[in-house]
């Protein structure tokens, strides 16, 4: 893939991935026909990781940017985007206020809401300095999220550290302390902290709820990653955690990367409806080795499938 990425990018551009100016109401006010709930489909930028990470060999600049992705979302009438922090050109350093303002204003012009952002962090490291660095980075990007008008910032728990496989509770205490600090800071800026179950320290609903209970803050909740519960029936874990969701990562399969079992979107939407969730439903597709990966096609198809499931359940 990496040897042909520039070629693929030119193909995408030549096929007409361009700006579509649309007059649409803000995504926060979007509703589906006969819908009693407010569900807004969003695209997680990580679906376009290869494109957004590619750099021009001549000037080391991004070949495809978050601004390009905004234009594509507009062309597909997608009303929200998770502007993942990794794809801002200065990451991990925060972008300039000018860049943030230009991005936010471009999104507003296109009728696209910013459903969230996220960073990379490790609150499960035995090294206190690594955890502290993660909290410091989170604080900086909480401010960015506020300036973007993003309601949620996505944080990870961290991988189970070597030698602590049988000491989950000990590691969880480190995580909890870090999340408490982030929640307190997020409250100051009106940004909620979304903890993503990422198949790391958080692999089950029980683990997620235990951490939430210990943190005990209105400014923290779950970003439910539908493809990262490491259990025999992930739908049960999704249902148990759904009341605590403040955002989502809807994946192609409930069994993670490489699984051929497609997510049952109708079953998923039934769970979401039952638990009364309102808000954004970001979707994320992932590259699988050995499979042709075209995020423009895959994301659009996934959005259409979920829309159909929503129309069916809420009609």
C-alpha atoms as a PDB file:
ATOM      1  CA  UNK A   1       0.000   0.000   0.000  1.00  0.00           C
ATOM      2  CA  UNK A   2       2.670   2.485   0.932  1.00  0.00           C
ATOM      3  CA  UNK A   3       4.440   2.277  -2.436  1.00  0.00           C
ATOM      4  CA  UNK A   4       1.298   3.224  -4.347  1.00  0.00           C
ATOM      5  CA  UNK A   5      -0.354   5.687  -1.995  1.00  0.00           C
ATOM      6  CA  UNK A   6       0.360   8.825  -4.043  1.00  0.00           C
ATOM      7  CA  UNK A   7      -0.982   7.098  -7.141  1.00  0.00           C
ATOM      8  CA  UNK A   8      -4.142   6.136  -5.268  1.00  0.00           C
ATOM      9  CA  UNK A   9      -4.560   9.653  -3.939  1.00  0.00           C
ATOM     10  CA  UNK A  10      -4.441  11.139  -7.436  1.00  0.00           C
ATOM     11  CA  UNK A  11      -7.031   8.618  -8.582  1.00  0.00           C
ATOM     12  CA  UNK A  12      -9.339   9.634  -5.744  1.00  0.00           C
ATOM     13  CA  UNK A  13      -8.919  13.314  -6.557  1.00  0.00           C
ATOM     14  CA  UNK A  14      -9.427  12.751 -10.299  1.00  0.00           C
ATOM     15  CA  UNK A  15     -12.606  10.834  -9.554  1.00  0.00           C
ATOM     16  CA  UNK A  16     -13.991  14.004  -8.121  1.00  0.00           C
ATOM     17  CA  UNK A  17     -13.340  14.129  -4.409  1.00  0.00           C
ATOM     18  CA  UNK A  18     -13.880  17.857  -4.235  1.00  0.00           C
ATOM     19  CA  UNK A  19     -15.649  20.567  -2.329  1.00  0.00           C
ATOM     20  CA  UNK A  20     -19.418  20.474  -2.319  1.00  0.00           C
ATOM     21  CA  UNK A  21     -20.931  23.579  -0.794  1.00  0.00           C
ATOM     22  CA  UNK A  22     -24.139  22.595   0.890  1.00  0.00           C
ATOM     23  CA  UNK A  23     -26.722  24.563   2.772  1.00  0.00           C
ATOM     24  CA  UNK A  24     -27.549  22.369   5.739  1.00  0.00           C
ATOM     25  CA  UNK A  25     -28.607  23.017   9.274  1.00  0.00           C
ATOM     26  CA  UNK A  26     -26.090  22.307  11.996  1.00  0.00           C
ATOM     27  CA  UNK A  27     -25.688  18.580  12.577  1.00  0.00           C
ATOM     28  CA  UNK A  28     -26.686  18.994  16.219  1.00  0.00           C
ATOM     29  CA  UNK A  29     -30.213  19.753  14.997  1.00  0.00           C
ATOM     30  CA  UNK A  30     -30.432  16.882  12.497  1.00  0.00           C
ATOM     31  CA  UNK A  31     -33.149  14.273  13.003  1.00  0.00           C
ATOM     32  CA  UNK A  32     -34.382  11.260  11.114  1.00  0.00           C
ATOM     33  CA  UNK A  33     -37.926  11.010   9.854  1.00  0.00           C
ATOM     34  CA  UNK A  34     -40.298  10.058  12.675  1.00  0.00           C
ATOM     35  CA  UNK A  35     -37.278   9.774  14.959  1.00  0.00           C
ATOM     36  CA  UNK A  36     -37.906  10.443  18.650  1.00  0.00           C
ATOM     37  CA  UNK A  37     -34.193  10.343  19.332  1.00  0.00           C
ATOM     38  CA  UNK A  38     -31.355  12.391  17.941  1.00  0.00           C
ATOM     39  CA  UNK A  39     -28.769  10.116  16.327  1.00  0.00           C
ATOM     40  CA  UNK A  40     -26.114  11.736  14.151  1.00  0.00           C
ATOM     41  CA  UNK A  41     -23.768   9.578  12.109  1.00  0.00           C
ATOM     42  CA  UNK A  42     -20.140  10.691  12.151  1.00  0.00           C
ATOM     43  CA  UNK A  43     -16.930   9.562  10.461  1.00  0.00           C
ATOM     44  CA  UNK A  44     -13.891   8.789  12.568  1.00  0.00           C
ATOM     45  CA  UNK A  45     -10.870  10.180  10.750  1.00  0.00           C
ATOM     46  CA  UNK A  46      -8.840   7.070  11.612  1.00  0.00           C
ATOM     47  CA  UNK A  47     -10.700   5.271   8.824  1.00  0.00           C
ATOM     48  CA  UNK A  48      -8.474   7.325   6.514  1.00  0.00           C
ATOM     49  CA  UNK A  49      -5.286   6.736   8.505  1.00  0.00           C
ATOM     50  CA  UNK A  50      -3.076   5.833   5.515  1.00  0.00           C
ATOM     51  CA  UNK A  51      -4.143   8.855   3.505  1.00  0.00           C
ATOM     52  CA  UNK A  52      -3.980  11.316   6.378  1.00  0.00           C
ATOM     53  CA  UNK A  53      -0.563  10.001   7.445  1.00  0.00           C
ATOM     54  CA  UNK A  54       0.984  10.164   3.960  1.00  0.00           C
ATOM     55  CA  UNK A  55       3.574  12.900   3.412  1.00  0.00           C
ATOM     56  CA  UNK A  56       4.760  14.535   0.211  1.00  0.00           C
ATOM     57  CA  UNK A  57       8.383  13.502  -0.389  1.00  0.00           C
ATOM     58  CA  UNK A  58       9.306  16.974  -1.598  1.00  0.00           C
ATOM     59  CA  UNK A  59       8.084  19.067   1.339  1.00  0.00           C
ATOM     60  CA  UNK A  60       7.043  16.537   4.026  1.00  0.00           C
ATOM     61  CA  UNK A  61       3.554  18.038   4.067  1.00  0.00           C
ATOM     62  CA  UNK A  62       0.335  16.026   4.337  1.00  0.00           C
ATOM     63  CA  UNK A  63      -0.907  14.893   0.945  1.00  0.00           C
ATOM     64  CA  UNK A  64      -4.465  14.488   2.200  1.00  0.00           C
ATOM     65  CA  UNK A  65      -5.656  16.594   5.129  1.00  0.00           C
ATOM     66  CA  UNK A  66      -8.547  16.880   7.554  1.00  0.00           C
ATOM     67  CA  UNK A  67      -9.790  19.746   5.375  1.00  0.00           C
ATOM     68  CA  UNK A  68      -9.955  17.344   2.415  1.00  0.00           C
ATOM     69  CA  UNK A  69     -11.855  14.895   4.582  1.00  0.00           C
ATOM     70  CA  UNK A  70     -14.344  17.612   5.534  1.00  0.00           C
ATOM     71  CA  UNK A  71     -14.986  18.229   1.829  1.00  0.00           C
ATOM     72  CA  UNK A  72     -15.536  14.535   1.206  1.00  0.00           C
ATOM     73  CA  UNK A  73     -17.966  14.271   4.118  1.00  0.00           C
ATOM     74  CA  UNK A  74     -19.895  17.213   2.675  1.00  0.00           C
ATOM     75  CA  UNK A  75     -20.035  15.497  -0.720  1.00  0.00           C
ATOM     76  CA  UNK A  76     -21.635  12.471   0.981  1.00  0.00           C
ATOM     77  CA  UNK A  77     -23.962  14.559   3.155  1.00  0.00           C
ATOM     78  CA  UNK A  78     -22.269  13.220   6.301  1.00  0.00           C
ATOM     79  CA  UNK A  79     -23.058  15.581   9.150  1.00  0.00           C
ATOM     80  CA  UNK A  80     -20.214  15.027  11.632  1.00  0.00           C
ATOM     81  CA  UNK A  81     -16.549  14.123  11.874  1.00  0.00           C
ATOM     82  CA  UNK A  82     -14.311  12.874  14.680  1.00  0.00           C
ATOM     83  CA  UNK A  83     -11.240  14.997  14.025  1.00  0.00           C
ATOM     84  CA  UNK A  84      -8.670  12.678  15.560  1.00  0.00           C
ATOM     85  CA  UNK A  85      -5.730  14.590  17.019  1.00  0.00           C
ATOM     86  CA  UNK A  86      -3.074  12.465  15.288  1.00  0.00           C
ATOM     87  CA  UNK A  87      -3.960  13.994  11.932  1.00  0.00           C
ATOM     88  CA  UNK A  88      -3.455  17.621  12.862  1.00  0.00           C
ATOM     89  CA  UNK A  89      -0.103  18.524  11.273  1.00  0.00           C
ATOM     90  CA  UNK A  90       1.600  19.493  14.547  1.00  0.00           C
ATOM     91  CA  UNK A  91       0.559  16.471  16.672  1.00  0.00           C
ATOM     92  CA  UNK A  92       1.443  15.799  19.469  1.00  0.00           C
ATOM     93  CA  UNK A  93       1.951  19.541  19.758  1.00  0.00           C
ATOM     94  CA  UNK A  94      -1.344  21.408  19.661  1.00  0.00           C
ATOM     95  CA  UNK A  95      -2.285  23.257  16.471  1.00  0.00           C
ATOM     96  CA  UNK A  96      -2.280  27.034  16.355  1.00  0.00           C
ATOM     97  CA  UNK A  97      -5.424  28.966  17.217  1.00  0.00           C
ATOM     98  CA  UNK A  98      -5.514  30.114  13.591  1.00  0.00           C
ATOM     99  CA  UNK A  99      -5.529  26.524  12.310  1.00  0.00           C
ATOM    100  CA  UNK A 100      -8.224  25.509  14.798  1.00  0.00           C
ATOM    101  CA  UNK A 101     -10.393  28.474  13.851  1.00  0.00           C
ATOM    102  CA  UNK A 102     -10.016  27.816  10.121  1.00  0.00           C
ATOM    103  CA  UNK A 103     -10.881  24.153  10.546  1.00  0.00           C
ATOM    104  CA  UNK A 104     -13.874  24.854  12.780  1.00  0.00           C
ATOM    105  CA  UNK A 105     -15.186  27.551  10.452  1.00  0.00           C
ATOM    106  CA  UNK A 106     -14.772  25.313   7.386  1.00  0.00           C
ATOM    107  CA  UNK A 107     -16.730  22.577   9.124  1.00  0.00           C
ATOM    108  CA  UNK A 108     -19.468  25.056  10.028  1.00  0.00           C
ATOM    109  CA  UNK A 109     -19.669  26.318   6.437  1.00  0.00           C
ATOM    110  CA  UNK A 110     -20.207  22.743   5.270  1.00  0.00           C
ATOM    111  CA  UNK A 111     -22.802  21.980   7.940  1.00  0.00           C
ATOM    112  CA  UNK A 112     -20.527  19.444   9.631  1.00  0.00           C
ATOM    113  CA  UNK A 113     -20.266  19.116  13.402  1.00  0.00           C
ATOM    114  CA  UNK A 114     -17.074  18.019  15.137  1.00  0.00           C
ATOM    115  CA  UNK A 115     -18.236  15.050  17.191  1.00  0.00           C
ATOM    116  CA  UNK A 116     -14.986  14.596  19.079  1.00  0.00           C
ATOM    117  CA  UNK A 117     -11.238  14.294  18.921  1.00  0.00           C
ATOM    118  CA  UNK A 118      -8.698  11.975  20.527  1.00  0.00           C
ATOM    119  CA  UNK A 119      -5.076  11.431  21.440  1.00  0.00           C
ATOM    120  CA  UNK A 120      -2.688   8.584  22.151  1.00  0.00           C
ATOM    121  CA  UNK A 121      -1.908   8.028  25.841  1.00  0.00           C
ATOM    122  CA  UNK A 122      -0.972   5.257  28.263  1.00  0.00           C
ATOM    123  CA  UNK A 123      -2.411   5.482  31.769  1.00  0.00           C
ATOM    124  CA  UNK A 124      -1.503   1.837  32.471  1.00  0.00           C
ATOM    125  CA  UNK A 125       2.250   2.250  32.356  1.00  0.00           C
ATOM    126  CA  UNK A 126       4.168   1.301  35.514  1.00  0.00           C
ATOM    127  CA  UNK A 127       6.298   4.388  34.840  1.00  0.00           C
ATOM    128  CA  UNK A 128       4.706   7.401  36.610  1.00  0.00           C
ATOM    129  CA  UNK A 129       6.437   9.789  34.212  1.00  0.00           C
ATOM    130  CA  UNK A 130       4.694   8.187  31.213  1.00  0.00           C
ATOM    131  CA  UNK A 131       1.326   8.462  32.929  1.00  0.00           C
ATOM    132  CA  UNK A 132       2.017  12.069  33.882  1.00  0.00           C
ATOM    133  CA  UNK A 133       3.022  12.877  30.303  1.00  0.00           C
ATOM    134  CA  UNK A 134      -0.275  11.388  29.131  1.00  0.00           C
ATOM    135  CA  UNK A 135      -2.245  13.561  31.532  1.00  0.00           C
ATOM    136  CA  UNK A 136      -0.313  16.654  30.440  1.00  0.00           C
ATOM    137  CA  UNK A 137      -1.004  15.853  26.778  1.00  0.00           C
ATOM    138  CA  UNK A 138      -4.682  15.253  27.554  1.00  0.00           C
ATOM    139  CA  UNK A 139      -4.944  18.621  29.286  1.00  0.00           C
ATOM    140  CA  UNK A 140      -3.472  20.387  26.260  1.00  0.00           C
ATOM    141  CA  UNK A 141      -5.861  18.647  23.859  1.00  0.00           C
ATOM    142  CA  UNK A 142      -8.869  19.210  26.111  1.00  0.00           C
ATOM    143  CA  UNK A 143      -8.267  22.904  25.442  1.00  0.00           C
ATOM    144  CA  UNK A 144      -8.074  22.126  21.702  1.00  0.00           C
ATOM    145  CA  UNK A 145     -11.333  20.162  21.894  1.00  0.00           C
ATOM    146  CA  UNK A 146     -12.982  23.142  23.565  1.00  0.00           C
ATOM    147  CA  UNK A 147     -11.780  25.479  20.809  1.00  0.00           C
ATOM    148  CA  UNK A 148     -13.022  23.029  18.176  1.00  0.00           C
ATOM    149  CA  UNK A 149     -16.410  22.922  19.938  1.00  0.00           C
ATOM    150  CA  UNK A 150     -15.967  19.158  20.257  1.00  0.00           C
ATOM    151  CA  UNK A 151     -18.032  17.788  23.164  1.00  0.00           C
ATOM    152  CA  UNK A 152     -15.768  14.805  23.871  1.00  0.00           C
ATOM    153  CA  UNK A 153     -12.088  13.903  23.852  1.00  0.00           C
ATOM    154  CA  UNK A 154     -11.208  10.226  23.476  1.00  0.00           C
ATOM    155  CA  UNK A 155      -8.607   8.761  25.839  1.00  0.00           C
ATOM    156  CA  UNK A 156      -7.246   5.236  26.184  1.00  0.00           C
ATOM    157  CA  UNK A 157      -6.613   3.206  29.296  1.00  0.00           C
ATOM    158  CA  UNK A 158      -3.415   1.578  28.053  1.00  0.00           C
ATOM    159  CA  UNK A 159      -2.121  -1.911  27.429  1.00  0.00           C
ATOM    160  CA  UNK A 160      -1.717  -4.392  30.289  1.00  0.00           C
ATOM    161  CA  UNK A 161       1.943  -3.926  31.246  1.00  0.00           C
ATOM    162  CA  UNK A 162       4.286  -6.892  31.189  1.00  0.00           C
ATOM    163  CA  UNK A 163       4.456  -8.540  34.574  1.00  0.00           C
ATOM    164  CA  UNK A 164       1.085  -7.157  35.681  1.00  0.00           C
ATOM    165  CA  UNK A 165      -1.164  -9.656  33.923  1.00  0.00           C
ATOM    166  CA  UNK A 166      -2.507 -10.855  37.275  1.00  0.00           C
ATOM    167  CA  UNK A 167      -2.537  -7.403  38.884  1.00  0.00           C
ATOM    168  CA  UNK A 168      -5.388  -5.719  37.020  1.00  0.00           C
ATOM    169  CA  UNK A 169      -6.721  -3.899  40.092  1.00  0.00           C
ATOM    170  CA  UNK A 170      -3.328  -2.371  40.874  1.00  0.00           C
ATOM    171  CA  UNK A 171      -2.927  -1.026  37.342  1.00  0.00           C
ATOM    172  CA  UNK A 172      -6.551   0.145  37.317  1.00  0.00           C
ATOM    173  CA  UNK A 173      -5.839   2.423  40.281  1.00  0.00           C
ATOM    174  CA  UNK A 174      -3.178   4.236  38.245  1.00  0.00           C
ATOM    175  CA  UNK A 175      -5.641   4.664  35.400  1.00  0.00           C
ATOM    176  CA  UNK A 176      -8.407   5.880  37.667  1.00  0.00           C
ATOM    177  CA  UNK A 177      -6.206   8.565  39.206  1.00  0.00           C
ATOM    178  CA  UNK A 178      -5.244   9.818  35.740  1.00  0.00           C
ATOM    179  CA  UNK A 179      -8.831   9.853  34.498  1.00  0.00           C
ATOM    180  CA  UNK A 180      -9.991  11.722  37.598  1.00  0.00           C
ATOM    181  CA  UNK A 181      -7.455  14.445  36.929  1.00  0.00           C
ATOM    182  CA  UNK A 182      -8.508  14.674  33.280  1.00  0.00           C
ATOM    183  CA  UNK A 183     -12.201  14.812  34.200  1.00  0.00           C
ATOM    184  CA  UNK A 184     -11.634  17.689  36.607  1.00  0.00           C
ATOM    185  CA  UNK A 185      -9.740  19.598  33.929  1.00  0.00           C
ATOM    186  CA  UNK A 186     -12.328  18.770  31.278  1.00  0.00           C
ATOM    187  CA  UNK A 187     -15.074  20.224  33.446  1.00  0.00           C
ATOM    188  CA  UNK A 188     -13.294  23.586  33.415  1.00  0.00           C
ATOM    189  CA  UNK A 189     -13.503  23.650  29.620  1.00  0.00           C
ATOM    190  CA  UNK A 190     -16.868  21.985  29.097  1.00  0.00           C
ATOM    191  CA  UNK A 191     -15.327  18.908  27.476  1.00  0.00           C
ATOM    192  CA  UNK A 192     -16.232  15.391  28.575  1.00  0.00           C
ATOM    193  CA  UNK A 193     -13.645  12.638  28.828  1.00  0.00           C
ATOM    194  CA  UNK A 194     -14.532   9.554  26.816  1.00  0.00           C
ATOM    195  CA  UNK A 195     -12.788   6.360  27.898  1.00  0.00           C
ATOM    196  CA  UNK A 196     -12.543   3.949  24.979  1.00  0.00           C
ATOM    197  CA  UNK A 197     -12.536   0.225  25.599  1.00  0.00           C
ATOM    198  CA  UNK A 198      -9.732  -0.673  23.236  1.00  0.00           C
ATOM    199  CA  UNK A 199      -9.096  -4.322  23.973  1.00  0.00           C
ATOM    200  CA  UNK A 200      -6.302  -3.266  26.318  1.00  0.00           C
ATOM    201  CA  UNK A 201      -6.879  -2.882  30.071  1.00  0.00           C
ATOM    202  CA  UNK A 202     -10.571  -2.588  29.246  1.00  0.00           C
ATOM    203  CA  UNK A 203     -11.770  -5.764  27.567  1.00  0.00           C
ATOM    204  CA  UNK A 204     -15.129  -6.400  29.244  1.00  0.00           C
ATOM    205  CA  UNK A 205     -18.178  -4.455  30.369  1.00  0.00           C
ATOM    206  CA  UNK A 206     -17.397  -5.377  33.972  1.00  0.00           C
ATOM    207  CA  UNK A 207     -13.962  -3.760  33.769  1.00  0.00           C
ATOM    208  CA  UNK A 208     -15.350  -0.608  32.135  1.00  0.00           C
ATOM    209  CA  UNK A 209     -18.077  -0.172  34.730  1.00  0.00           C
ATOM    210  CA  UNK A 210     -15.697  -0.804  37.605  1.00  0.00           C
ATOM    211  CA  UNK A 211     -13.467   2.036  36.405  1.00  0.00           C
ATOM    212  CA  UNK A 212     -16.400   4.393  35.838  1.00  0.00           C
ATOM    213  CA  UNK A 213     -17.769   3.725  39.317  1.00  0.00           C
ATOM    214  CA  UNK A 214     -14.394   4.437  40.896  1.00  0.00           C
ATOM    215  CA  UNK A 215     -13.980   7.724  38.988  1.00  0.00           C
ATOM    216  CA  UNK A 216     -17.532   8.848  39.814  1.00  0.00           C
ATOM    217  CA  UNK A 217     -17.651  12.010  37.685  1.00  0.00           C
ATOM    218  CA  UNK A 218     -20.339  13.503  35.471  1.00  0.00           C
ATOM    219  CA  UNK A 219     -17.544  14.635  33.179  1.00  0.00           C
ATOM    220  CA  UNK A 220     -16.442  11.167  32.199  1.00  0.00           C
ATOM    221  CA  UNK A 221     -18.144   8.362  30.324  1.00  0.00           C
ATOM    222  CA  UNK A 222     -17.530   5.604  27.817  1.00  0.00           C
ATOM    223  CA  UNK A 223     -16.763   5.704  24.140  1.00  0.00           C
ATOM    224  CA  UNK A 224     -18.069   2.276  23.294  1.00  0.00           C
ATOM    225  CA  UNK A 225     -15.819   0.565  20.765  1.00  0.00           C
ATOM    226  CA  UNK A 226     -18.145  -2.070  19.344  1.00  0.00           C
ATOM    227  CA  UNK A 227     -15.232  -4.104  17.975  1.00  0.00           C
ATOM    228  CA  UNK A 228     -12.992  -4.326  21.038  1.00  0.00           C
ATOM    229  CA  UNK A 229     -14.795  -6.291  23.730  1.00  0.00           C
ATOM    230  CA  UNK A 230     -12.839  -9.527  24.143  1.00  0.00           C
ATOM    231  CA  UNK A 231     -15.781 -11.736  25.103  1.00  0.00           C
ATOM    232  CA  UNK A 232     -17.804 -14.507  23.501  1.00  0.00           C
ATOM    233  CA  UNK A 233     -20.828 -12.248  22.992  1.00  0.00           C
ATOM    234  CA  UNK A 234     -19.750  -8.608  22.573  1.00  0.00           C
ATOM    235  CA  UNK A 235     -23.362  -7.498  22.124  1.00  0.00           C
ATOM    236  CA  UNK A 236     -24.011  -8.287  25.798  1.00  0.00           C
ATOM    237  CA  UNK A 237     -21.098  -6.066  26.814  1.00  0.00           C
ATOM    238  CA  UNK A 238     -22.323  -3.333  24.490  1.00  0.00           C
ATOM    239  CA  UNK A 239     -25.785  -3.491  26.062  1.00  0.00           C
ATOM    240  CA  UNK A 240     -24.398  -3.387  29.607  1.00  0.00           C
ATOM    241  CA  UNK A 241     -22.237  -0.352  28.868  1.00  0.00           C
ATOM    242  CA  UNK A 242     -24.658   1.525  26.571  1.00  0.00           C
ATOM    243  CA  UNK A 243     -26.283   3.510  29.430  1.00  0.00           C
ATOM    244  CA  UNK A 244     -22.861   5.048  30.126  1.00  0.00           C
ATOM    245  CA  UNK A 245     -22.016   5.932  26.509  1.00  0.00           C
ATOM    246  CA  UNK A 246     -21.167   9.530  25.694  1.00  0.00           C
ATOM    247  CA  UNK A 247     -19.865   8.617  22.232  1.00  0.00           C
ATOM    248  CA  UNK A 248     -19.173   5.525  20.110  1.00  0.00           C
ATOM    249  CA  UNK A 249     -16.772   3.812  17.745  1.00  0.00           C
ATOM    250  CA  UNK A 250     -18.952   1.634  15.524  1.00  0.00           C
ATOM    251  CA  UNK A 251     -16.748  -0.968  13.863  1.00  0.00           C
ATOM    252  CA  UNK A 252     -17.273  -3.336  10.950  1.00  0.00           C
ATOM    253  CA  UNK A 253     -17.137  -6.464  13.116  1.00  0.00           C
ATOM    254  CA  UNK A 254     -17.912  -7.049  16.807  1.00  0.00           C
ATOM    255  CA  UNK A 255     -14.923  -9.398  16.952  1.00  0.00           C
ATOM    256  CA  UNK A 256     -12.231  -6.954  15.885  1.00  0.00           C
ATOM    257  CA  UNK A 257      -9.805  -6.533  13.021  1.00  0.00           C
ATOM    258  CA  UNK A 258      -9.759  -9.378  10.527  1.00  0.00           C
ATOM    259  CA  UNK A 259     -13.005 -11.020  11.614  1.00  0.00           C
ATOM    260  CA  UNK A 260     -15.319 -11.928   8.756  1.00  0.00           C
ATOM    261  CA  UNK A 261     -18.404 -11.610  10.951  1.00  0.00           C
ATOM    262  CA  UNK A 262     -20.115  -8.363  10.028  1.00  0.00           C
ATOM    263  CA  UNK A 263     -21.649  -6.227  12.762  1.00  0.00           C
ATOM    264  CA  UNK A 264     -25.402  -6.722  12.964  1.00  0.00           C
ATOM    265  CA  UNK A 265     -26.288  -3.037  12.716  1.00  0.00           C
ATOM    266  CA  UNK A 266     -29.981  -3.660  13.305  1.00  0.00           C
ATOM    267  CA  UNK A 267     -29.187  -5.447  16.569  1.00  0.00           C
ATOM    268  CA  UNK A 268     -26.802  -2.650  17.537  1.00  0.00           C
ATOM    269  CA  UNK A 269     -29.341   0.099  16.840  1.00  0.00           C
ATOM    270  CA  UNK A 270     -31.958  -1.804  18.852  1.00  0.00           C
ATOM    271  CA  UNK A 271     -29.584  -1.719  21.831  1.00  0.00           C
ATOM    272  CA  UNK A 272     -28.927   1.981  21.339  1.00  0.00           C
ATOM    273  CA  UNK A 273     -32.649   2.719  21.080  1.00  0.00           C
ATOM    274  CA  UNK A 274     -33.481   0.620  24.133  1.00  0.00           C
ATOM    275  CA  UNK A 275     -30.919   2.447  26.272  1.00  0.00           C
ATOM    276  CA  UNK A 276     -32.077   5.853  25.057  1.00  0.00           C
ATOM    277  CA  UNK A 277     -28.731   7.074  23.741  1.00  0.00           C
ATOM    278  CA  UNK A 278     -28.847  10.399  21.915  1.00  0.00           C
ATOM    279  CA  UNK A 279     -25.932  11.956  20.089  1.00  0.00           C
ATOM    280  CA  UNK A 280     -23.169  11.009  17.701  1.00  0.00           C
ATOM    281  CA  UNK A 281     -22.487   7.573  16.235  1.00  0.00           C
ATOM    282  CA  UNK A 282     -18.982   7.753  14.740  1.00  0.00           C
ATOM    283  CA  UNK A 283     -18.090   4.875  12.419  1.00  0.00           C
ATOM    284  CA  UNK A 284     -14.615   3.522  11.815  1.00  0.00           C
ATOM    285  CA  UNK A 285     -13.324   1.084   9.218  1.00  0.00           C
ATOM    286  CA  UNK A 286      -9.897  -0.470   9.516  1.00  0.00           C
ATOM    287  CA  UNK A 287      -7.288  -1.782   7.136  1.00  0.00           C
ATOM    288  CA  UNK A 288      -7.068  -5.580   7.088  1.00  0.00           C
ATOM    289  CA  UNK A 289      -3.978  -7.257   5.642  1.00  0.00           C
ATOM    290  CA  UNK A 290      -4.745  -9.036   2.413  1.00  0.00           C
ATOM    291  CA  UNK A 291      -7.899  -7.025   1.720  1.00  0.00           C
ATOM    292  CA  UNK A 292      -8.202  -4.193  -0.763  1.00  0.00           C
ATOM    293  CA  UNK A 293      -8.836  -1.150   1.369  1.00  0.00           C
ATOM    294  CA  UNK A 294     -10.708   1.831  -0.036  1.00  0.00           C
ATOM    295  CA  UNK A 295     -12.023   3.888   2.895  1.00  0.00           C
ATOM    296  CA  UNK A 296     -14.077   6.151   0.626  1.00  0.00           C
ATOM    297  CA  UNK A 297     -16.157   3.190  -0.498  1.00  0.00           C
ATOM    298  CA  UNK A 298     -16.171   1.259   2.779  1.00  0.00           C
ATOM    299  CA  UNK A 299     -17.124   4.195   4.994  1.00  0.00           C
ATOM    300  CA  UNK A 300     -19.901   5.302   2.644  1.00  0.00           C
ATOM    301  CA  UNK A 301     -21.310   1.760   2.504  1.00  0.00           C
ATOM    302  CA  UNK A 302     -21.176   1.426   6.285  1.00  0.00           C
ATOM    303  CA  UNK A 303     -22.907   4.776   6.772  1.00  0.00           C
ATOM    304  CA  UNK A 304     -25.688   3.669   4.405  1.00  0.00           C
ATOM    305  CA  UNK A 305     -26.134   0.358   6.263  1.00  0.00           C
ATOM    306  CA  UNK A 306     -26.425   2.074   9.632  1.00  0.00           C
ATOM    307  CA  UNK A 307     -28.803   4.689   8.240  1.00  0.00           C
ATOM    308  CA  UNK A 308     -31.029   1.892   6.987  1.00  0.00           C
ATOM    309  CA  UNK A 309     -30.964   0.220  10.404  1.00  0.00           C
ATOM    310  CA  UNK A 310     -31.876   3.517  12.103  1.00  0.00           C
ATOM    311  CA  UNK A 311     -34.757   4.150   9.708  1.00  0.00           C
ATOM    312  CA  UNK A 312     -36.030   0.634  10.305  1.00  0.00           C
ATOM    313  CA  UNK A 313     -35.933   0.843  14.103  1.00  0.00           C
ATOM    314  CA  UNK A 314     -37.205   4.406  14.523  1.00  0.00           C
ATOM    315  CA  UNK A 315     -39.864   4.563  11.804  1.00  0.00           C
END
